[in-house]
PDB file of N, CA and C in Angstrom:
ATOM      1  N   MET A   1      94.062  90.394  31.170  1.00  0.00           N
ATOM      2  CA  MET A   1      93.519  90.133  30.023  1.00  0.00           C
ATOM      3  C   MET A   1      94.046  90.506  29.247  1.00  0.00           C
ATOM      4  N   LYS A   2      93.768  89.979  27.490  1.00  0.00           N
ATOM      5  CA  LYS A   2      93.889  90.544  26.172  1.00  0.00           C
ATOM      6  C   LYS A   2      92.183  90.034  25.604  1.00  0.00           C
ATOM      7  N   GLY A   3      92.322  91.248  24.408  1.00  0.00           N
ATOM      8  CA  GLY A   3      91.111  90.807  23.162  1.00  0.00           C
ATOM      9  C   GLY A   3      89.701  91.385  23.717  1.00  0.00           C
ATOM     10  N   ASN A   4      88.911  91.248  23.512  1.00  0.00           N
ATOM     11  CA  ASN A   4      87.494  92.204  24.346  1.00  0.00           C
ATOM     12  C   ASN A   4      87.807  91.555  25.719  1.00  0.00           C
ATOM     13  N   HIS A   5      88.569  91.256  26.268  1.00  0.00           N
ATOM     14  CA  HIS A   5      87.796  91.587  27.895  1.00  0.00           C
ATOM     15  C   HIS A   5      88.980  91.943  28.724  1.00  0.00           C
ATOM     16  N   LYS A   6      90.116  92.797  27.742  1.00  0.00           N
ATOM     17  CA  LYS A   6      91.418  93.819  28.229  1.00  0.00           C
ATOM     18  C   LYS A   6      90.743  94.456  29.882  1.00  0.00           C
ATOM     19  N   GLY A   7      91.534  94.189  30.542  1.00  0.00           N
ATOM     20  CA  GLY A   7      91.651  95.483  32.174  1.00  0.00           C
ATOM     21  C   GLY A   7      90.814  94.156  33.054  1.00  0.00           C
ATOM     22  N   SER A   8      90.288  93.497  32.432  1.00  0.00           N
ATOM     23  CA  SER A   8      89.370  92.612  33.128  1.00  0.00           C
ATOM     24  C   SER A   8      90.014  91.107  34.190  1.00  0.00           C
ATOM     25  N   GLU A   9      89.429  91.396  35.663  1.00  0.00           N
ATOM     26  CA  GLU A   9      90.067  90.468  36.316  1.00  0.00           C
ATOM     27  C   GLU A   9      89.596  89.729  36.848  1.00  0.00           C
ATOM     28  N   GLY A  10      89.987  88.526  37.314  1.00  0.00           N
ATOM     29  CA  GLY A  10      88.824  87.180  37.757  1.00  0.00           C
ATOM     30  C   GLY A  10      89.607  86.115  38.961  1.00  0.00           C
ATOM     31  N   LYS A  11      88.988  85.215  39.014  1.00  0.00           N
ATOM     32  CA  LYS A  11      89.700  84.391  39.256  1.00  0.00           C
ATOM     33  C   LYS A  11      89.482  82.924  38.946  1.00  0.00           C
ATOM     34  N   LEU A  12      90.488  82.529  38.475  1.00  0.00           N
ATOM     35  CA  LEU A  12      90.977  80.863  37.698  1.00  0.00           C
ATOM     36  C   LEU A  12      89.676  79.839  38.207  1.00  0.00           C
ATOM     37  N   LEU A  13      88.929  79.284  37.679  1.00  0.00           N
ATOM     38  CA  LEU A  13      87.994  78.241  38.281  1.00  0.00           C
ATOM     39  C   LEU A  13      88.291  76.763  37.642  1.00  0.00           C
ATOM     40  N   PHE A  14      88.841  77.232  36.815  1.00  0.00           N
ATOM     41  CA  PHE A  14      89.353  75.445  36.206  1.00  0.00           C
ATOM     42  C   PHE A  14      90.130  75.994  34.385  1.00  0.00           C
ATOM     43  N   VAL A  15      90.476  75.005  34.119  1.00  0.00           N
ATOM     44  CA  VAL A  15      91.844  74.709  33.186  1.00  0.00           C
ATOM     45  C   VAL A  15      91.338  73.357  32.519  1.00  0.00           C
ATOM     46  N   PHE A  16      91.587  73.521  31.449  1.00  0.00           N
ATOM     47  CA  PHE A  16      91.481  72.663  29.943  1.00  0.00           C
ATOM     48  C   PHE A  16      92.610  72.442  29.494  1.00  0.00           C
ATOM     49  N   PRO A  17      94.332  71.961  29.997  1.00  0.00           N
ATOM     50  CA  PRO A  17      94.900  72.178  28.966  1.00  0.00           C
ATOM     51  C   PRO A  17      94.923  71.438  27.560  1.00  0.00           C
ATOM     52  N   LYS A  18      94.261  70.160  27.533  1.00  0.00           N
ATOM     53  CA  LYS A  18      94.298  69.774  26.025  1.00  0.00           C
ATOM     54  C   LYS A  18      93.593  71.090  25.074  1.00  0.00           C
ATOM     55  N   GLU A  19      92.454  71.656  25.983  1.00  0.00           N
ATOM     56  CA  GLU A  19      91.826  72.485  24.044  1.00  0.00           C
ATOM     57  C   GLU A  19      92.603  74.232  24.592  1.00  0.00           C
ATOM     58  N   ASN A  20      93.760  74.272  25.035  1.00  0.00           N
ATOM     59  CA  ASN A  20      94.377  75.650  25.583  1.00  0.00           C
ATOM     60  C   ASN A  20      93.624  76.946  26.163  1.00  0.00           C
ATOM     61  N   ARG A  21      92.860  76.283  27.139  1.00  0.00           N
ATOM     62  CA  ARG A  21      91.895  77.344  27.452  1.00  0.00           C
ATOM     63  C   ARG A  21      91.365  77.337  28.926  1.00  0.00           C
ATOM     64  N   ALA A  22      90.946  78.036  29.333  1.00  0.00           N
ATOM     65  CA  ALA A  22      90.459  78.409  30.942  1.00  0.00           C
ATOM     66  C   ALA A  22      89.292  78.854  30.959  1.00  0.00           C
ATOM     67  N   ILE A  23      88.417  79.016  32.333  1.00  0.00           N
ATOM     68  CA  ILE A  23      87.745  79.732  32.566  1.00  0.00           C
ATOM     69  C   ILE A  23      87.744  80.668  33.821  1.00  0.00           C
ATOM     70  N   VAL A  24      87.257  81.629  33.247  1.00  0.00           N
ATOM     71  CA  VAL A  24      87.937  82.643  34.462  1.00  0.00           C
ATOM     72  C   VAL A  24      86.547  83.696  34.880  1.00  0.00           C
ATOM     73  N   GLU A  25      86.458  83.659  36.430  1.00  0.00           N
ATOM     74  CA  GLU A  25      85.189  83.809  37.277  1.00  0.00           C
ATOM     75  C   GLU A  25      84.734  85.296  36.618  1.00  0.00           C
ATOM     76  N   GLY A  26      83.490  85.909  36.507  1.00  0.00           N
ATOM     77  CA  GLY A  26      82.861  86.330  35.937  1.00  0.00           C
ATOM     78  C   GLY A  26      83.670  87.103  34.514  1.00  0.00           C
ATOM     79  N   VAL A  27      83.975  86.590  33.400  1.00  0.00           N
ATOM     80  CA  VAL A  27      84.838  86.991  32.416  1.00  0.00           C
ATOM     81  C   VAL A  27      84.002  86.128  31.278  1.00  0.00           C
ATOM     82  N   ASN A  28      84.290  86.817  30.284  1.00  0.00           N
ATOM     83  CA  ASN A  28      83.574  86.249  28.836  1.00  0.00           C
ATOM     84  C   ASN A  28      82.040  85.548  29.579  1.00  0.00           C
ATOM     85  N   MET A  29      81.139  86.457  29.862  1.00  0.00           N
ATOM     86  CA  MET A  29      79.993  85.738  30.058  1.00  0.00           C
ATOM     87  C   MET A  29      79.125  85.561  28.785  1.00  0.00           C
ATOM     88  N   VAL A  30      78.256  84.143  28.944  1.00  0.00           N
ATOM     89  CA  VAL A  30      77.262  84.476  27.643  1.00  0.00           C
ATOM     90  C   VAL A  30      75.757  83.443  28.367  1.00  0.00           C
ATOM     91  N   LYS A  31      75.352  84.111  27.561  1.00  0.00           N
ATOM     92  CA  LYS A  31      73.843  83.796  28.238  1.00  0.00           C
ATOM     93  C   LYS A  31      73.096  82.476  27.450  1.00  0.00           C
ATOM     94  N   ARG A  32      72.519  81.590  27.907  1.00  0.00           N
ATOM     95  CA  ARG A  32      72.054  80.040  27.346  1.00  0.00           C
ATOM     96  C   ARG A  32      70.747  80.205  28.033  1.00  0.00           C
ATOM     97  N   SER A  33      69.426  79.760  26.920  1.00  0.00           N
ATOM     98  CA  SER A  33      68.158  79.956  27.350  1.00  0.00           C
ATOM     99  C   SER A  33      68.061  77.878  27.923  1.00  0.00           C
ATOM    100  N   ILE A  34      67.251  78.226  28.817  1.00  0.00           N
ATOM    101  CA  ILE A  34      66.444  77.154  29.864  1.00  0.00           C
ATOM    102  C   ILE A  34      65.376  77.156  29.337  1.00  0.00           C
ATOM    103  N   ARG A  35      64.801  75.906  28.727  1.00  0.00           N
ATOM    104  CA  ARG A  35      63.049  75.216  28.726  1.00  0.00           C
ATOM    105  C   ARG A  35      62.390  75.114  29.219  1.00  0.00           C
ATOM    106  N   PRO A  36      61.384  76.153  29.157  1.00  0.00           N
ATOM    107  CA  PRO A  36      60.198  75.655  30.599  1.00  0.00           C
ATOM    108  C   PRO A  36      60.250  74.112  30.737  1.00  0.00           C
ATOM    109  N   THR A  37      60.325  73.459  32.122  1.00  0.00           N
ATOM    110  CA  THR A  37      59.803  72.154  32.811  1.00  0.00           C
ATOM    111  C   THR A  37      58.668  72.629  33.449  1.00  0.00           C
ATOM    112  N   GLN A  38      58.702  71.190  34.198  1.00  0.00           N
ATOM    113  CA  GLN A  38      57.742  71.444  35.361  1.00  0.00           C
ATOM    114  C   GLN A  38      58.058  71.726  36.777  1.00  0.00           C
ATOM    115  N   GLU A  39      59.398  71.892  36.669  1.00  0.00           N
ATOM    116  CA  GLU A  39      59.991  72.488  37.933  1.00  0.00           C
ATOM    117  C   GLU A  39      59.972  74.432  37.596  1.00  0.00           C
ATOM    118  N   ASN A  40      59.865  73.885  36.240  1.00  0.00           N
ATOM    119  CA  ASN A  40      60.312  75.893  35.873  1.00  0.00           C
ATOM    120  C   ASN A  40      59.814  75.912  34.877  1.00  0.00           C
ATOM    121  N   PRO A  41      57.955  76.484  35.184  1.00  0.00           N
ATOM    122  CA  PRO A  41      57.214  76.700  34.261  1.00  0.00           C
ATOM    123  C   PRO A  41      57.255  78.071  33.686  1.00  0.00           C
ATOM    124  N   SER A  42      58.486  78.914  33.970  1.00  0.00           N
ATOM    125  CA  SER A  42      58.616  79.950  33.207  1.00  0.00           C
ATOM    126  C   SER A  42      59.477  79.989  32.252  1.00  0.00           C
ATOM    127  N   GLY A  43      60.228  78.762  32.400  1.00  0.00           N
ATOM    128  CA  GLY A  43      61.763  78.781  31.819  1.00  0.00           C
ATOM    129  C   GLY A  43      62.859  80.446  31.496  1.00  0.00           C
ATOM    130  N   GLY A  44      63.476  80.678  30.823  1.00  0.00           N
ATOM    131  CA  GLY A  44      64.215  81.626  31.051  1.00  0.00           C
ATOM    132  C   GLY A  44      65.284  81.693  30.320  1.00  0.00           C
ATOM    133  N   PHE A  45      67.140  82.785  30.831  1.00  0.00           N
ATOM    134  CA  PHE A  45      67.765  82.970  30.850  1.00  0.00           C
ATOM    135  C   PHE A  45      68.707  82.869  31.729  1.00  0.00           C
ATOM    136  N   SER A  46      70.018  81.813  31.358  1.00  0.00           N
ATOM    137  CA  SER A  46      71.154  81.774  31.989  1.00  0.00           C
ATOM    138  C   SER A  46      72.016  81.973  31.718  1.00  0.00           C
ATOM    139  N   GLU A  47      73.324  83.029  32.385  1.00  0.00           N
ATOM    140  CA  GLU A  47      74.657  83.557  32.284  1.00  0.00           C
ATOM    141  C   GLU A  47      75.140  83.146  33.084  1.00  0.00           C
ATOM    142  N   LYS A  48      76.061  82.090  32.201  1.00  0.00           N
ATOM    143  CA  LYS A  48      77.578  81.586  32.971  1.00  0.00           C
ATOM    144  C   LYS A  48      78.523  81.874  31.985  1.00  0.00           C
ATOM    145  N   GLU A  49      79.723  81.286  32.700  1.00  0.00           N
ATOM    146  CA  GLU A  49      81.329  81.535  32.380  1.00  0.00           C
ATOM    147  C   GLU A  49      81.731  80.885  30.966  1.00  0.00           C
ATOM    148  N   ALA A  50      82.440  81.215  29.883  1.00  0.00           N
ATOM    149  CA  ALA A  50      82.728  80.358  28.858  1.00  0.00           C
ATOM    150  C   ALA A  50      84.009  80.405  28.718  1.00  0.00           C
ATOM    151  N   PRO A  51      84.511  79.225  28.030  1.00  0.00           N
ATOM    152  CA  PRO A  51      86.359  79.184  28.312  1.00  0.00           C
ATOM    153  C   PRO A  51      86.713  80.030  27.201  1.00  0.00           C
ATOM    154  N   ILE A  52      88.102  80.528  27.674  1.00  0.00           N
ATOM    155  CA  ILE A  52      89.045  81.715  27.266  1.00  0.00           C
ATOM    156  C   ILE A  52      89.977  81.158  26.979  1.00  0.00           C
ATOM    157  N   ASN A  53      91.014  81.463  25.902  1.00  0.00           N
ATOM    158  CA  ASN A  53      91.989  81.009  25.295  1.00  0.00           C
ATOM    159  C   ASN A  53      93.194  81.352  26.280  1.00  0.00           C
ATOM    160  N   LEU A  54      94.284  80.581  26.676  1.00  0.00           N
ATOM    161  CA  LEU A  54      95.342  80.292  27.424  1.00  0.00           C
ATOM    162  C   LEU A  54      95.956  81.587  27.564  1.00  0.00           C
ATOM    163  N   SER A  55      96.141  82.155  26.116  1.00  0.00           N
ATOM    164  CA  SER A  55      97.064  83.052  25.131  1.00  0.00           C
ATOM    165  C   SER A  55      96.829  84.769  25.779  1.00  0.00           C
ATOM    166  N   ASN A  56      95.187  84.826  26.226  1.00  0.00           N
ATOM    167  CA  ASN A  56      94.672  85.816  26.632  1.00  0.00           C
ATOM    168  C   ASN A  56      94.680  86.293  27.946  1.00  0.00           C
ATOM    169  N   LEU A  57      95.681  85.045  29.144  1.00  0.00           N
ATOM    170  CA  LEU A  57      95.623  85.722  30.686  1.00  0.00           C
ATOM    171  C   LEU A  57      96.993  86.352  31.290  1.00  0.00           C
ATOM    172  N   MET A  58      97.181  86.714  32.181  1.00  0.00           N
ATOM    173  CA  MET A  58      98.002  87.279  32.495  1.00  0.00           C
ATOM    174  C   MET A  58      97.713  86.848  33.731  1.00  0.00           C
ATOM    175  N   VAL A  59      99.180  86.872  34.606  1.00  0.00           N
ATOM    176  CA  VAL A  59      99.201  86.879  35.890  1.00  0.00           C
ATOM    177  C   VAL A  59      98.758  88.429  36.742  1.00  0.00           C
ATOM    178  N   VAL A  60      98.555  88.506  37.297  1.00  0.00           N
ATOM    179  CA  VAL A  60      98.496  89.729  38.467  1.00  0.00           C
ATOM    180  C   VAL A  60      98.859  89.262  39.755  1.00  0.00           C
ATOM    181  N   GLN A  61     100.057  90.117  40.061  1.00  0.00           N
ATOM    182  CA  GLN A  61     101.139  90.212  41.573  1.00  0.00           C
ATOM    183  C   GLN A  61     100.345  91.602  42.078  1.00  0.00           C
ATOM    184  N   LYS A  62     100.367  91.148  43.324  1.00  0.00           N
ATOM    185  CA  LYS A  62      99.802  92.673  44.085  1.00  0.00           C
ATOM    186  C   LYS A  62     100.041  94.133  42.796  1.00  0.00           C
ATOM    187  N   GLY A  63      98.615  94.166  42.129  1.00  0.00           N
ATOM    188  CA  GLY A  63      98.161  94.832  41.475  1.00  0.00           C
ATOM    189  C   GLY A  63      98.252  95.056  40.279  1.00  0.00           C
ATOM    190  N   ASP A  64      99.773  94.361  39.899  1.00  0.00           N
ATOM    191  CA  ASP A  64     100.246  94.383  38.408  1.00  0.00           C
ATOM    192  C   ASP A  64     100.466  92.886  37.282  1.00  0.00           C
ATOM    193  N   VAL A  65     100.119  93.338  36.754  1.00  0.00           N
ATOM    194  CA  VAL A  65     100.521  92.324  35.519  1.00  0.00           C
ATOM    195  C   VAL A  65     102.058  92.345  34.907  1.00  0.00           C
ATOM    196  N   THR A  66     101.981  90.596  35.227  1.00  0.00           N
ATOM    197  CA  THR A  66     103.421  90.206  34.750  1.00  0.00           C
ATOM    198  C   THR A  66     103.449  88.777  33.795  1.00  0.00           C
ATOM    199  N   ARG A  67     104.621  88.914  33.844  1.00  0.00           N
ATOM    200  CA  ARG A  67     105.215  88.017  32.566  1.00  0.00           C
ATOM    201  C   ARG A  67     105.131  86.644  33.642  1.00  0.00           C
ATOM    202  N   ILE A  68     105.510  85.401  33.115  1.00  0.00           N
ATOM    203  CA  ILE A  68     105.512  83.736  34.152  1.00  0.00           C
ATOM    204  C   ILE A  68     107.547  84.038  33.352  1.00  0.00           C
ATOM    205  N   GLY A  69     108.656  83.692  34.207  1.00  0.00           N
ATOM    206  CA  GLY A  69     109.348  82.806  33.709  1.00  0.00           C
ATOM    207  C   GLY A  69     109.866  82.090  34.428  1.00  0.00           C
ATOM    208  N   TYR A  70     110.964  81.107  33.461  1.00  0.00           N
ATOM    209  CA  TYR A  70     111.148  79.806  34.659  1.00  0.00           C
ATOM    210  C   TYR A  70     112.971  79.786  35.483  1.00  0.00           C
ATOM    211  N   LYS A  71     113.160  79.897  36.400  1.00  0.00           N
ATOM    212  CA  LYS A  71     114.217  79.918  37.492  1.00  0.00           C
ATOM    213  C   LYS A  71     114.818  78.331  37.738  1.00  0.00           C
ATOM    214  N   ILE A  72     116.162  77.764  37.240  1.00  0.00           N
ATOM    215  CA  ILE A  72     116.551  77.075  38.248  1.00  0.00           C
ATOM    216  C   ILE A  72     117.124  77.006  39.360  1.00  0.00           C
ATOM    217  N   LEU A  73     117.071  76.554  40.432  1.00  0.00           N
ATOM    218  CA  LEU A  73     117.744  76.934  41.549  1.00  0.00           C
ATOM    219  C   LEU A  73     118.872  76.211  42.057  1.00  0.00           C
ATOM    220  N   ASP A  74     120.048  76.316  42.993  1.00  0.00           N
ATOM    221  CA  ASP A  74     121.126  75.518  42.883  1.00  0.00           C
ATOM    222  C   ASP A  74     120.703  74.111  43.506  1.00  0.00           C
ATOM    223  N   ASP A  75     119.752  73.491  44.063  1.00  0.00           N
ATOM    224  CA  ASP A  75     119.152  72.054  44.080  1.00  0.00           C
ATOM    225  C   ASP A  75     118.663  71.928  43.007  1.00  0.00           C
ATOM    226  N   GLY A  76     118.707  72.286  42.104  1.00  0.00           N
ATOM    227  CA  GLY A  76     117.997  71.365  40.362  1.00  0.00           C
ATOM    228  C   GLY A  76     116.848  71.369  40.404  1.00  0.00           C
ATOM    229  N   SER A  77     115.634  72.340  41.198  1.00  0.00           N
ATOM    230  CA  SER A  77     114.183  72.104  41.541  1.00  0.00           C
ATOM    231  C   SER A  77     113.915  73.886  40.544  1.00  0.00           C
ATOM    232  N   LYS A  78     113.075  73.453  40.126  1.00  0.00           N
ATOM    233  CA  LYS A  78     112.545  74.762  38.879  1.00  0.00           C
ATOM    234  C   LYS A  78     111.151  75.284  39.413  1.00  0.00           C
ATOM    235  N   VAL A  79     111.523  76.697  40.038  1.00  0.00           N
ATOM    236  CA  VAL A  79     110.757  77.550  40.240  1.00  0.00           C
ATOM    237  C   VAL A  79     109.612  78.281  39.170  1.00  0.00           C
ATOM    238  N   ARG A  80     108.692  78.909  39.174  1.00  0.00           N
ATOM    239  CA  ARG A  80     108.233  80.070  38.748  1.00  0.00           C
ATOM    240  C   ARG A  80     108.400  81.257  39.120  1.00  0.00           C
ATOM    241  N   VAL A  81     109.378  82.049  38.019  1.00  0.00           N
ATOM    242  CA  VAL A  81     109.409  83.982  38.312  1.00  0.00           C
ATOM    243  C   VAL A  81     108.472  85.396  37.974  1.00  0.00           C
ATOM    244  N   SER A  82     108.410  85.817  38.430  1.00  0.00           N
ATOM    245  CA  SER A  82     107.608  87.181  37.997  1.00  0.00           C
ATOM    246  C   SER A  82     109.263  88.337  37.354  1.00  0.00           C
ATOM    247  N   LEU A  83     108.772  88.137  35.615  1.00  0.00           N
ATOM    248  CA  LEU A  83     110.011  88.759  34.638  1.00  0.00           C
ATOM    249  C   LEU A  83     109.865  90.171  34.705  1.00  0.00           C
ATOM    250  N   LYS A  84     108.852  91.284  35.776  1.00  0.00           N
ATOM    251  CA  LYS A  84     109.152  92.494  36.267  1.00  0.00           C
ATOM    252  C   LYS A  84     109.910  92.655  37.267  1.00  0.00           C
ATOM    253  N   THR A  85     109.510  91.810  38.390  1.00  0.00           N
ATOM    254  CA  THR A  85     109.741  92.235  39.455  1.00  0.00           C
ATOM    255  C   THR A  85     111.237  90.928  40.037  1.00  0.00           C
ATOM    256  N   GLY A  86     111.035  89.991  39.159  1.00  0.00           N
ATOM    257  CA  GLY A  86     112.144  88.733  39.563  1.00  0.00           C
ATOM    258  C   GLY A  86     112.008  87.771  40.933  1.00  0.00           C
ATOM    259  N   GLN A  87     110.911  88.066  41.872  1.00  0.00           N
ATOM    260  CA  GLN A  87     110.461  87.662  42.534  1.00  0.00           C
ATOM    261  C   GLN A  87     109.607  86.297  42.240  1.00  0.00           C
ATOM    262  N   GLU A  88     110.141  84.927  43.104  1.00  0.00           N
ATOM    263  CA  GLU A  88     109.198  83.955  43.093  1.00  0.00           C
ATOM    264  C   GLU A  88     107.903  83.964  42.990  1.00  0.00           C
ATOM    265  N   ILE A  89     107.210  83.431  42.152  1.00  0.00           N
ATOM    266  CA  ILE A  89     105.731  82.918  42.496  1.00  0.00           C
ATOM    267  C   ILE A  89     105.134  81.641  42.651  1.00  0.00           C
ATOM    268  N   GLU A  90     104.388  82.005  44.181  1.00  0.00           N
ATOM    269  CA  GLU A  90     104.027  80.464  44.618  1.00  0.00           C
ATOM    270  C   GLU A  90     102.608  80.186  43.745  1.00  0.00           C
ATOM    271  N   VAL A  91     102.755  78.519  43.476  1.00  0.00           N
ATOM    272  CA  VAL A  91     101.737  78.190  43.252  1.00  0.00           C
ATOM    273  C   VAL A  91     100.647  77.618  43.568  1.00  0.00           C
TER     274      VAL A  91
END
């Protein structure tokens, strides 16, 4: 991760391709107030993840962060490759 959440790691929960953003588990937490209702008379606050820009995310492979490149194989298929190690990355 880059930006305010540098060094944080989490599982990718959801991606919004049109907005170029993603939700990562446990990162960019925001507090939302909950109004009192009949079921919950005290109301209160809840914490949930907010979307973060895709440019701030990196792939972690075996404990190391790496950038991703693409390689075209002999059979014409395109695979993702770790630029640090050169190994294929499974989707």
